């Protein structure tokens, strides 16, 4: 695994933990139905993957990593890595119990 792959894993973990621990964001996150939570999380992870690809291949902000000739394949791979990482971070997310 390269350092560029690690950036995608870090993005997935950061997004997942932010939704679980940032106070105002956490309350809004809990108010969403579970189906909408999945959609919002996937959109956020897709946006992070595309932004990382743009930062690497279009804007030149990230040096190194895989070839930019891969295009959508590299962005898709980064998205899958971010999804895997966000699911791993779910294990350390706080458990919300309903009030009796």
PDB file of N, CA and C in Angstrom:
ATOM      1  N   UNK A   1       0.844  -1.162   0.000  1.00  0.00           N
ATOM      2  CA  UNK A   1       0.000   0.000   0.000  1.00  0.00           C
ATOM      3  C   UNK A   1       0.896   1.234   0.000  1.00  0.00           C
ATOM      4  N   UNK A   2       0.589   2.179  -0.869  1.00  0.00           N
ATOM      5  CA  UNK A   2       1.387   3.396  -0.969  1.00  0.00           C
ATOM      6  C   UNK A   2       0.851   4.463  -0.021  1.00  0.00           C
ATOM      7  N   UNK A   3       1.604   5.532   0.127  1.00  0.00           N
ATOM      8  CA  UNK A   3       1.159   6.630   0.988  1.00  0.00           C
ATOM      9  C   UNK A   3      -0.081   7.295   0.404  1.00  0.00           C
ATOM     10  N   UNK A   4      -0.226   7.261  -0.914  1.00  0.00           N
ATOM     11  CA  UNK A   4      -1.400   7.852  -1.555  1.00  0.00           C
ATOM     12  C   UNK A   4      -2.657   7.065  -1.191  1.00  0.00           C
ATOM     13  N   UNK A   5      -2.535   5.752  -1.092  1.00  0.00           N
ATOM     14  CA  UNK A   5      -3.660   4.933  -0.633  1.00  0.00           C
ATOM     15  C   UNK A   5      -4.001   5.263   0.816  1.00  0.00           C
ATOM     16  N   UNK A   6      -2.979   5.533   1.606  1.00  0.00           N
ATOM     17  CA  UNK A   6      -3.203   5.874   3.010  1.00  0.00           C
ATOM     18  C   UNK A   6      -4.004   7.155   3.158  1.00  0.00           C
ATOM     19  N   UNK A   7      -3.860   8.079   2.227  1.00  0.00           N
ATOM     20  CA  UNK A   7      -4.636   9.322   2.278  1.00  0.00           C
ATOM     21  C   UNK A   7      -6.122   9.005   2.135  1.00  0.00           C
ATOM     22  N   UNK A   8      -6.470   8.097   1.255  1.00  0.00           N
ATOM     23  CA  UNK A   8      -7.878   7.706   1.087  1.00  0.00           C
ATOM     24  C   UNK A   8      -8.413   7.016   2.339  1.00  0.00           C
ATOM     25  N   UNK A   9      -7.595   6.145   2.924  1.00  0.00           N
ATOM     26  CA  UNK A   9      -8.013   5.493   4.163  1.00  0.00           C
ATOM     27  C   UNK A   9      -8.219   6.531   5.265  1.00  0.00           C
ATOM     28  N   UNK A  10      -7.298   7.491   5.360  1.00  0.00           N
ATOM     29  CA  UNK A  10      -7.416   8.541   6.379  1.00  0.00           C
ATOM     30  C   UNK A  10      -8.671   9.383   6.163  1.00  0.00           C
ATOM     31  N   UNK A  11      -8.970   9.695   4.914  1.00  0.00           N
ATOM     32  CA  UNK A  11     -10.174  10.485   4.622  1.00  0.00           C
ATOM     33  C   UNK A  11     -11.432   9.740   5.062  1.00  0.00           C
ATOM     34  N   UNK A  12     -11.498   8.453   4.795  1.00  0.00           N
ATOM     35  CA  UNK A  12     -12.650   7.661   5.209  1.00  0.00           C
ATOM     36  C   UNK A  12     -12.802   7.619   6.716  1.00  0.00           C
ATOM     37  N   UNK A  13     -11.686   7.482   7.423  1.00  0.00           N
ATOM     38  CA  UNK A  13     -11.737   7.439   8.885  1.00  0.00           C
ATOM     39  C   UNK A  13     -12.134   8.799   9.444  1.00  0.00           C
ATOM     40  N   UNK A  14     -11.565   9.862   8.910  1.00  0.00           N
ATOM     41  CA  UNK A  14     -11.861  11.215   9.404  1.00  0.00           C
ATOM     42  C   UNK A  14     -13.331  11.556   9.201  1.00  0.00           C
ATOM     43  N   UNK A  15     -13.878  11.257   8.040  1.00  0.00           N
ATOM     44  CA  UNK A  15     -15.291  11.559   7.779  1.00  0.00           C
ATOM     45  C   UNK A  15     -16.188  10.763   8.718  1.00  0.00           C
ATOM     46  N   UNK A  16     -15.908   9.493   8.886  1.00  0.00           N
ATOM     47  CA  UNK A  16     -16.731   8.651   9.749  1.00  0.00           C
ATOM     48  C   UNK A  16     -16.673   9.114  11.201  1.00  0.00           C
ATOM     49  N   UNK A  17     -15.484   9.406  11.693  1.00  0.00           N
ATOM     50  CA  UNK A  17     -15.351   9.847  13.080  1.00  0.00           C
ATOM     51  C   UNK A  17     -15.916  11.250  13.278  1.00  0.00           C
ATOM     52  N   UNK A  18     -15.812  12.106  12.277  1.00  0.00           N
ATOM     53  CA  UNK A  18     -16.390  13.452  12.385  1.00  0.00           C
ATOM     54  C   UNK A  18     -17.902  13.365  12.546  1.00  0.00           C
ATOM     55  N   UNK A  19     -18.526  12.483  11.810  1.00  0.00           N
ATOM     56  CA  UNK A  19     -19.970  12.318  11.923  1.00  0.00           C
ATOM     57  C   UNK A  19     -20.375  11.743  13.270  1.00  0.00           C
ATOM     58  N   UNK A  20     -19.472  11.058  13.928  1.00  0.00           N
ATOM     59  CA  UNK A  20     -19.780  10.439  15.213  1.00  0.00           C
ATOM     60  C   UNK A  20     -19.424  11.311  16.416  1.00  0.00           C
ATOM     61  N   UNK A  21     -18.448  12.196  16.279  1.00  0.00           N
ATOM     62  CA  UNK A  21     -17.938  12.891  17.454  1.00  0.00           C
ATOM     63  C   UNK A  21     -18.117  14.408  17.465  1.00  0.00           C
ATOM     64  N   UNK A  22     -18.260  15.076  16.337  1.00  0.00           N
ATOM     65  CA  UNK A  22     -18.427  16.531  16.331  1.00  0.00           C
ATOM     66  C   UNK A  22     -19.843  16.841  16.808  1.00  0.00           C
ATOM     67  N   UNK A  23     -19.978  17.620  17.905  1.00  0.00           N
ATOM     68  CA  UNK A  23     -21.276  17.769  18.565  1.00  0.00           C
ATOM     69  C   UNK A  23     -22.452  18.172  17.670  1.00  0.00           C
ATOM     70  N   UNK A  24     -22.418  19.277  16.977  1.00  0.00           N
ATOM     71  CA  UNK A  24     -23.564  19.678  16.163  1.00  0.00           C
ATOM     72  C   UNK A  24     -23.814  18.733  14.999  1.00  0.00           C
ATOM     73  N   UNK A  25     -22.746  18.277  14.405  1.00  0.00           N
ATOM     74  CA  UNK A  25     -22.853  17.352  13.276  1.00  0.00           C
ATOM     75  C   UNK A  25     -23.389  15.998  13.734  1.00  0.00           C
ATOM     76  N   UNK A  26     -22.960  15.575  14.913  1.00  0.00           N
ATOM     77  CA  UNK A  26     -23.401  14.283  15.449  1.00  0.00           C
ATOM     78  C   UNK A  26     -24.912  14.272  15.691  1.00  0.00           C
ATOM     79  N   UNK A  27     -25.438  15.380  16.227  1.00  0.00           N
ATOM     80  CA  UNK A  27     -26.878  15.448  16.481  1.00  0.00           C
ATOM     81  C   UNK A  27     -27.679  15.376  15.188  1.00  0.00           C
ATOM     82  N   UNK A  28     -27.215  16.084  14.174  1.00  0.00           N
ATOM     83  CA  UNK A  28     -27.896  16.023  12.874  1.00  0.00           C
ATOM     84  C   UNK A  28     -27.793  14.631  12.265  1.00  0.00           C
ATOM     85  N   UNK A  29     -26.636  13.998  12.450  1.00  0.00           N
ATOM     86  CA  UNK A  29     -26.406  12.655  11.924  1.00  0.00           C
ATOM     87  C   UNK A  29     -27.371  11.660  12.565  1.00  0.00           C
ATOM     88  N   UNK A  30     -27.566  11.783  13.873  1.00  0.00           N
ATOM     89  CA  UNK A  30     -28.472  10.870  14.573  1.00  0.00           C
ATOM     90  C   UNK A  30     -29.920  11.068  14.145  1.00  0.00           C
ATOM     91  N   UNK A  31     -30.263  12.280  13.727  1.00  0.00           N
ATOM     92  CA  UNK A  31     -31.646  12.566  13.336  1.00  0.00           C
ATOM     93  C   UNK A  31     -32.006  11.954  11.978  1.00  0.00           C
ATOM     94  N   UNK A  32     -31.003  11.611  11.175  1.00  0.00           N
ATOM     95  CA  UNK A  32     -31.276  11.044   9.855  1.00  0.00           C
ATOM     96  C   UNK A  32     -31.711   9.590   9.949  1.00  0.00           C
ATOM     97  N   UNK A  33     -32.626   9.176   9.063  1.00  0.00           N
ATOM     98  CA  UNK A  33     -32.935   7.741   8.972  1.00  0.00           C
ATOM     99  C   UNK A  33     -31.708   6.978   8.455  1.00  0.00           C
ATOM    100  N   UNK A  34     -31.619   5.705   8.766  1.00  0.00           N
ATOM    101  CA  UNK A  34     -30.421   4.934   8.412  1.00  0.00           C
ATOM    102  C   UNK A  34     -30.156   4.890   6.913  1.00  0.00           C
ATOM    103  N   UNK A  35     -31.197   4.879   6.101  1.00  0.00           N
ATOM    104  CA  UNK A  35     -30.980   4.882   4.648  1.00  0.00           C
ATOM    105  C   UNK A  35     -30.307   6.169   4.202  1.00  0.00           C
ATOM    106  N   UNK A  36     -30.742   7.290   4.759  1.00  0.00           N
ATOM    107  CA  UNK A  36     -30.144   8.576   4.399  1.00  0.00           C
ATOM    108  C   UNK A  36     -28.723   8.690   4.923  1.00  0.00           C
ATOM    109  N   UNK A  37     -28.446   8.074   6.062  1.00  0.00           N
ATOM    110  CA  UNK A  37     -27.074   8.079   6.579  1.00  0.00           C
ATOM    111  C   UNK A  37     -26.135   7.419   5.580  1.00  0.00           C
ATOM    112  N   UNK A  38     -26.570   6.304   5.030  1.00  0.00           N
ATOM    113  CA  UNK A  38     -25.732   5.601   4.042  1.00  0.00           C
ATOM    114  C   UNK A  38     -25.490   6.457   2.812  1.00  0.00           C
ATOM    115  N   UNK A  39     -26.536   7.112   2.336  1.00  0.00           N
ATOM    116  CA  UNK A  39     -26.414   7.954   1.141  1.00  0.00           C
ATOM    117  C   UNK A  39     -25.486   9.124   1.408  1.00  0.00           C
ATOM    118  N   UNK A  40     -25.670   9.800   2.527  1.00  0.00           N
ATOM    119  CA  UNK A  40     -24.835  10.956   2.866  1.00  0.00           C
ATOM    120  C   UNK A  40     -23.376  10.531   3.012  1.00  0.00           C
ATOM    121  N   UNK A  41     -23.140   9.423   3.689  1.00  0.00           N
ATOM    122  CA  UNK A  41     -21.769   8.948   3.875  1.00  0.00           C
ATOM    123  C   UNK A  41     -21.126   8.590   2.538  1.00  0.00           C
ATOM    124  N   UNK A  42     -21.845   7.908   1.670  1.00  0.00           N
ATOM    125  CA  UNK A  42     -21.280   7.551   0.357  1.00  0.00           C
ATOM    126  C   UNK A  42     -20.993   8.785  -0.486  1.00  0.00           C
ATOM    127  N   UNK A  43     -21.857   9.796  -0.430  1.00  0.00           N
ATOM    128  CA  UNK A  43     -21.615  11.030  -1.177  1.00  0.00           C
ATOM    129  C   UNK A  43     -20.373  11.739  -0.636  1.00  0.00           C
ATOM    130  N   UNK A  44     -20.242  11.799   0.692  1.00  0.00           N
ATOM    131  CA  UNK A  44     -19.075  12.448   1.290  1.00  0.00           C
ATOM    132  C   UNK A  44     -17.784  11.715   0.928  1.00  0.00           C
ATOM    133  N   UNK A  45     -17.819  10.391   0.947  1.00  0.00           N
ATOM    134  CA  UNK A  45     -16.624   9.619   0.595  1.00  0.00           C
ATOM    135  C   UNK A  45     -16.296   9.743  -0.892  1.00  0.00           C
ATOM    136  N   UNK A  46     -17.314   9.776  -1.740  1.00  0.00           N
ATOM    137  CA  UNK A  46     -17.077   9.967  -3.177  1.00  0.00           C
ATOM    138  C   UNK A  46     -16.477  11.344  -3.438  1.00  0.00           C
ATOM    139  N   UNK A  47     -16.991  12.364  -2.755  1.00  0.00           N
ATOM    140  CA  UNK A  47     -16.462  13.717  -2.927  1.00  0.00           C
ATOM    141  C   UNK A  47     -15.007  13.790  -2.474  1.00  0.00           C
ATOM    142  N   UNK A  48     -14.698  13.132  -1.357  1.00  0.00           N
ATOM    143  CA  UNK A  48     -13.317  13.117  -0.880  1.00  0.00           C
ATOM    144  C   UNK A  48     -12.395  12.426  -1.883  1.00  0.00           C
ATOM    145  N   UNK A  49     -12.841  11.335  -2.458  1.00  0.00           N
ATOM    146  CA  UNK A  49     -12.022  10.606  -3.432  1.00  0.00           C
ATOM    147  C   UNK A  49     -11.778  11.425  -4.689  1.00  0.00           C
ATOM    148  N   UNK A  50     -12.814  12.084  -5.162  1.00  0.00           N
ATOM    149  CA  UNK A  50     -12.662  12.921  -6.357  1.00  0.00           C
ATOM    150  C   UNK A  50     -11.761  14.107  -6.063  1.00  0.00           C
ATOM    151  N   UNK A  51     -11.922  14.725  -4.899  1.00  0.00           N
ATOM    152  CA  UNK A  51     -11.065  15.858  -4.547  1.00  0.00           C
ATOM    153  C   UNK A  51      -9.604  15.451  -4.415  1.00  0.00           C
ATOM    154  N   UNK A  52      -9.350  14.285  -3.846  1.00  0.00           N
ATOM    155  CA  UNK A  52      -7.973  13.808  -3.754  1.00  0.00           C
ATOM    156  C   UNK A  52      -7.400  13.514  -5.134  1.00  0.00           C
ATOM    157  N   UNK A  53      -8.210  12.960  -6.010  1.00  0.00           N
ATOM    158  CA  UNK A  53      -7.735  12.707  -7.375  1.00  0.00           C
ATOM    159  C   UNK A  53      -7.450  14.026  -8.097  1.00  0.00           C
ATOM    160  N   UNK A  54      -8.345  15.000  -7.947  1.00  0.00           N
ATOM    161  CA  UNK A  54      -8.122  16.311  -8.559  1.00  0.00           C
ATOM    162  C   UNK A  54      -6.874  16.981  -7.998  1.00  0.00           C
ATOM    163  N   UNK A  55      -6.672  16.889  -6.688  1.00  0.00           N
ATOM    164  CA  UNK A  55      -5.493  17.489  -6.069  1.00  0.00           C
ATOM    165  C   UNK A  55      -4.217  16.850  -6.602  1.00  0.00           C
ATOM    166  N   UNK A  56      -4.281  15.579  -6.917  1.00  0.00           N
ATOM    167  CA  UNK A  56      -3.098  14.874  -7.425  1.00  0.00           C
ATOM    168  C   UNK A  56      -2.890  15.115  -8.921  1.00  0.00           C
ATOM    169  N   UNK A  57      -3.937  14.954  -9.707  1.00  0.00           N
ATOM    170  CA  UNK A  57      -3.765  14.905 -11.157  1.00  0.00           C
ATOM    171  C   UNK A  57      -4.047  16.225 -11.880  1.00  0.00           C
ATOM    172  N   UNK A  58      -4.930  17.032 -11.363  1.00  0.00           N
ATOM    173  CA  UNK A  58      -5.285  18.259 -12.075  1.00  0.00           C
ATOM    174  C   UNK A  58      -4.591  19.492 -11.496  1.00  0.00           C
ATOM    175  N   UNK A  59      -4.546  19.564 -10.169  1.00  0.00           N
ATOM    176  CA  UNK A  59      -4.010  20.765  -9.539  1.00  0.00           C
ATOM    177  C   UNK A  59      -2.552  20.630  -9.160  1.00  0.00           C
ATOM    178  N   UNK A  60      -2.019  19.408  -9.129  1.00  0.00           N
ATOM    179  CA  UNK A  60      -0.610  19.183  -8.815  1.00  0.00           C
ATOM    180  C   UNK A  60      -0.246  19.448  -7.363  1.00  0.00           C
ATOM    181  N   UNK A  61      -1.199  19.363  -6.460  1.00  0.00           N
ATOM    182  CA  UNK A  61      -0.938  19.640  -5.053  1.00  0.00           C
ATOM    183  C   UNK A  61      -0.318  18.451  -4.325  1.00  0.00           C
ATOM    184  N   UNK A  62      -0.536  17.255  -4.830  1.00  0.00           N
ATOM    185  CA  UNK A  62       0.010  16.041  -4.231  1.00  0.00           C
ATOM    186  C   UNK A  62       1.018  15.457  -5.207  1.00  0.00           C
ATOM    187  N   UNK A  63       2.241  15.280  -4.729  1.00  0.00           N
ATOM    188  CA  UNK A  63       3.308  14.764  -5.587  1.00  0.00           C
ATOM    189  C   UNK A  63       3.477  13.276  -5.317  1.00  0.00           C
ATOM    190  N   UNK A  64       3.675  12.515  -6.375  1.00  0.00           N
ATOM    191  CA  UNK A  64       3.855  11.080  -6.232  1.00  0.00           C
ATOM    192  C   UNK A  64       2.539  10.341  -6.359  1.00  0.00           C
ATOM    193  N   UNK A  65       2.553   9.082  -6.001  1.00  0.00           N
ATOM    194  CA  UNK A  65       1.335   8.283  -6.098  1.00  0.00           C
ATOM    195  C   UNK A  65       1.219   7.608  -7.450  1.00  0.00           C
ATOM    196  N   UNK A  66       0.061   7.037  -7.731  1.00  0.00           N
ATOM    197  CA  UNK A  66      -0.126   6.308  -8.984  1.00  0.00           C
ATOM    198  C   UNK A  66      -0.187   7.245 -10.185  1.00  0.00           C
ATOM    199  N   UNK A  67      -0.089   6.671 -11.345  1.00  0.00           N
ATOM    200  CA  UNK A  67      -0.160   7.450 -12.581  1.00  0.00           C
ATOM    201  C   UNK A  67      -1.535   8.084 -12.738  1.00  0.00           C
ATOM    202  N   UNK A  68      -1.558   9.291 -13.268  1.00  0.00           N
ATOM    203  CA  UNK A  68      -2.832   9.991 -13.486  1.00  0.00           C
ATOM    204  C   UNK A  68      -3.530   9.502 -14.753  1.00  0.00           C
ATOM    205  N   UNK A  69      -2.886   8.645 -15.511  1.00  0.00           N
ATOM    206  CA  UNK A  69      -3.498   8.130 -16.734  1.00  0.00           C
ATOM    207  C   UNK A  69      -4.669   7.194 -16.425  1.00  0.00           C
ATOM    208  N   UNK A  70      -4.728   6.686 -15.211  1.00  0.00           N
ATOM    209  CA  UNK A  70      -5.810   5.777 -14.834  1.00  0.00           C
ATOM    210  C   UNK A  70      -7.156   6.476 -14.756  1.00  0.00           C
ATOM    211  N   UNK A  71      -7.161   7.755 -14.433  1.00  0.00           N
ATOM    212  CA  UNK A  71      -8.384   8.545 -14.407  1.00  0.00           C
ATOM    213  C   UNK A  71      -9.432   8.033 -13.448  1.00  0.00           C
ATOM    214  N   UNK A  72     -10.582   7.649 -13.991  1.00  0.00           N
ATOM    215  CA  UNK A  72     -11.724   7.238 -13.176  1.00  0.00           C
ATOM    216  C   UNK A  72     -11.423   5.972 -12.375  1.00  0.00           C
ATOM    217  N   UNK A  73     -10.566   5.123 -12.874  1.00  0.00           N
ATOM    218  CA  UNK A  73     -10.227   3.891 -12.155  1.00  0.00           C
ATOM    219  C   UNK A  73      -9.519   4.231 -10.844  1.00  0.00           C
ATOM    220  N   UNK A  74      -8.609   5.213 -10.892  1.00  0.00           N
ATOM    221  CA  UNK A  74      -7.902   5.617  -9.676  1.00  0.00           C
ATOM    222  C   UNK A  74      -8.860   6.253  -8.680  1.00  0.00           C
ATOM    223  N   UNK A  75      -9.786   7.073  -9.154  1.00  0.00           N
ATOM    224  CA  UNK A  75     -10.772   7.699  -8.266  1.00  0.00           C
ATOM    225  C   UNK A  75     -11.691   6.641  -7.659  1.00  0.00           C
ATOM    226  N   UNK A  76     -12.095   5.649  -8.440  1.00  0.00           N
ATOM    227  CA  UNK A  76     -12.945   4.574  -7.941  1.00  0.00           C
ATOM    228  C   UNK A  76     -12.212   3.728  -6.905  1.00  0.00           C
ATOM    229  N   UNK A  77     -10.957   3.449  -7.162  1.00  0.00           N
ATOM    230  CA  UNK A  77     -10.163   2.684  -6.204  1.00  0.00           C
ATOM    231  C   UNK A  77     -10.047   3.449  -4.888  1.00  0.00           C
ATOM    232  N   UNK A  78      -9.810   4.753  -4.977  1.00  0.00           N
ATOM    233  CA  UNK A  78      -9.734   5.567  -3.774  1.00  0.00           C
ATOM    234  C   UNK A  78     -11.049   5.586  -3.013  1.00  0.00           C
ATOM    235  N   UNK A  79     -12.160   5.612  -3.750  1.00  0.00           N
ATOM    236  CA  UNK A  79     -13.480   5.580  -3.125  1.00  0.00           C
ATOM    237  C   UNK A  79     -13.681   4.283  -2.361  1.00  0.00           C
ATOM    238  N   UNK A  80     -13.328   3.176  -2.958  1.00  0.00           N
ATOM    239  CA  UNK A  80     -13.479   1.870  -2.291  1.00  0.00           C
ATOM    240  C   UNK A  80     -12.615   1.822  -1.030  1.00  0.00           C
ATOM    241  N   UNK A  81     -11.400   2.348  -1.111  1.00  0.00           N
ATOM    242  CA  UNK A  81     -10.527   2.377   0.059  1.00  0.00           C
ATOM    243  C   UNK A  81     -11.128   3.236   1.166  1.00  0.00           C
ATOM    244  N   UNK A  82     -11.705   4.373   0.806  1.00  0.00           N
ATOM    245  CA  UNK A  82     -12.324   5.253   1.800  1.00  0.00           C
ATOM    246  C   UNK A  82     -13.534   4.586   2.448  1.00  0.00           C
ATOM    247  N   UNK A  83     -14.318   3.859   1.658  1.00  0.00           N
ATOM    248  CA  UNK A  83     -15.484   3.149   2.211  1.00  0.00           C
ATOM    249  C   UNK A  83     -15.031   2.074   3.198  1.00  0.00           C
ATOM    250  N   UNK A  84     -14.010   1.325   2.842  1.00  0.00           N
ATOM    251  CA  UNK A  84     -13.492   0.287   3.739  1.00  0.00           C
ATOM    252  C   UNK A  84     -13.008   0.903   5.046  1.00  0.00           C
ATOM    253  N   UNK A  85     -12.289   2.008   4.950  1.00  0.00           N
ATOM    254  CA  UNK A  85     -11.768   2.658   6.151  1.00  0.00           C
ATOM    255  C   UNK A  85     -12.888   3.217   7.021  1.00  0.00           C
ATOM    256  N   UNK A  86     -13.914   3.771   6.399  1.00  0.00           N
ATOM    257  CA  UNK A  86     -15.011   4.330   7.195  1.00  0.00           C
ATOM    258  C   UNK A  86     -15.757   3.227   7.936  1.00  0.00           C
ATOM    259  N   UNK A  87     -15.864   2.063   7.342  1.00  0.00           N
ATOM    260  CA  UNK A  87     -16.513   0.941   8.011  1.00  0.00           C
ATOM    261  C   UNK A  87     -15.654   0.422   9.163  1.00  0.00           C
ATOM    262  N   UNK A  88     -14.351   0.491   9.006  1.00  0.00           N
ATOM    263  CA  UNK A  88     -13.461   0.084  10.100  1.00  0.00           C
ATOM    264  C   UNK A  88     -13.562   1.076  11.258  1.00  0.00           C
ATOM    265  N   UNK A  89     -13.735   2.348  10.955  1.00  0.00           N
ATOM    266  CA  UNK A  89     -13.859   3.363  12.004  1.00  0.00           C
ATOM    267  C   UNK A  89     -15.182   3.245  12.738  1.00  0.00           C
ATOM    268  N   UNK A  90     -16.157   2.627  12.127  1.00  0.00           N
ATOM    269  CA  UNK A  90     -17.466   2.455  12.758  1.00  0.00           C
ATOM    270  C   UNK A  90     -17.348   1.682  14.071  1.00  0.00           C
ATOM    271  N   UNK A  91     -16.368   0.803  14.155  1.00  0.00           N
ATOM    272  CA  UNK A  91     -16.194  -0.013  15.360  1.00  0.00           C
ATOM    273  C   UNK A  91     -15.830   0.828  16.581  1.00  0.00           C
ATOM    274  N   UNK A  92     -15.228   1.982  16.397  1.00  0.00           N
ATOM    275  CA  UNK A  92     -14.856   2.833  17.535  1.00  0.00           C
ATOM    276  C   UNK A  92     -15.812   4.000  17.713  1.00  0.00           C
ATOM    277  N   UNK A  93     -16.872   4.034  16.935  1.00  0.00           N
ATOM    278  CA  UNK A  93     -17.863   5.100  17.065  1.00  0.00           C
ATOM    279  C   UNK A  93     -18.680   4.881  18.334  1.00  0.00           C
ATOM    280  N   UNK A  94     -19.154   5.980  18.936  1.00  0.00           N
ATOM    281  CA  UNK A  94     -19.927   5.821  20.169  1.00  0.00           C
ATOM    282  C   UNK A  94     -21.258   5.121  19.922  1.00  0.00           C
ATOM    283  N   UNK A  95     -21.687   4.366  20.888  1.00  0.00           N
ATOM    284  CA  UNK A  95     -22.968   3.671  20.817  1.00  0.00           C
ATOM    285  C   UNK A  95     -24.032   4.584  21.426  1.00  0.00           C
ATOM    286  N   UNK A  96     -25.098   4.806  20.689  1.00  0.00           N
ATOM    287  CA  UNK A  96     -26.184   5.641  21.192  1.00  0.00           C
ATOM    288  C   UNK A  96     -27.295   4.732  21.678  1.00  0.00           C
ATOM    289  N   UNK A  97     -27.636   4.889  22.929  1.00  0.00           N
ATOM    290  CA  UNK A  97     -28.703   4.088  23.512  1.00  0.00           C
ATOM    291  C   UNK A  97     -29.962   4.936  23.630  1.00  0.00           C
ATOM    292  N   UNK A  98     -31.081   4.330  23.382  1.00  0.00           N
ATOM    293  CA  UNK A  98     -32.346   5.066  23.513  1.00  0.00           C
ATOM    294  C   UNK A  98     -32.673   5.232  24.992  1.00  0.00           C
ATOM    295  N   UNK A  99     -33.311   6.338  25.308  1.00  0.00           N
ATOM    296  CA  UNK A  99     -33.691   6.620  26.690  1.00  0.00           C
ATOM    297  C   UNK A  99     -34.947   5.824  27.050  1.00  0.00           C
ATOM    298  N   UNK A 100     -34.990   5.273  28.279  1.00  0.00           N
ATOM    299  CA  UNK A 100     -36.160   4.463  28.672  1.00  0.00           C
ATOM    300  C   UNK A 100     -37.410   5.293  28.859  1.00  0.00           C
TER     301      UNK A 100
END
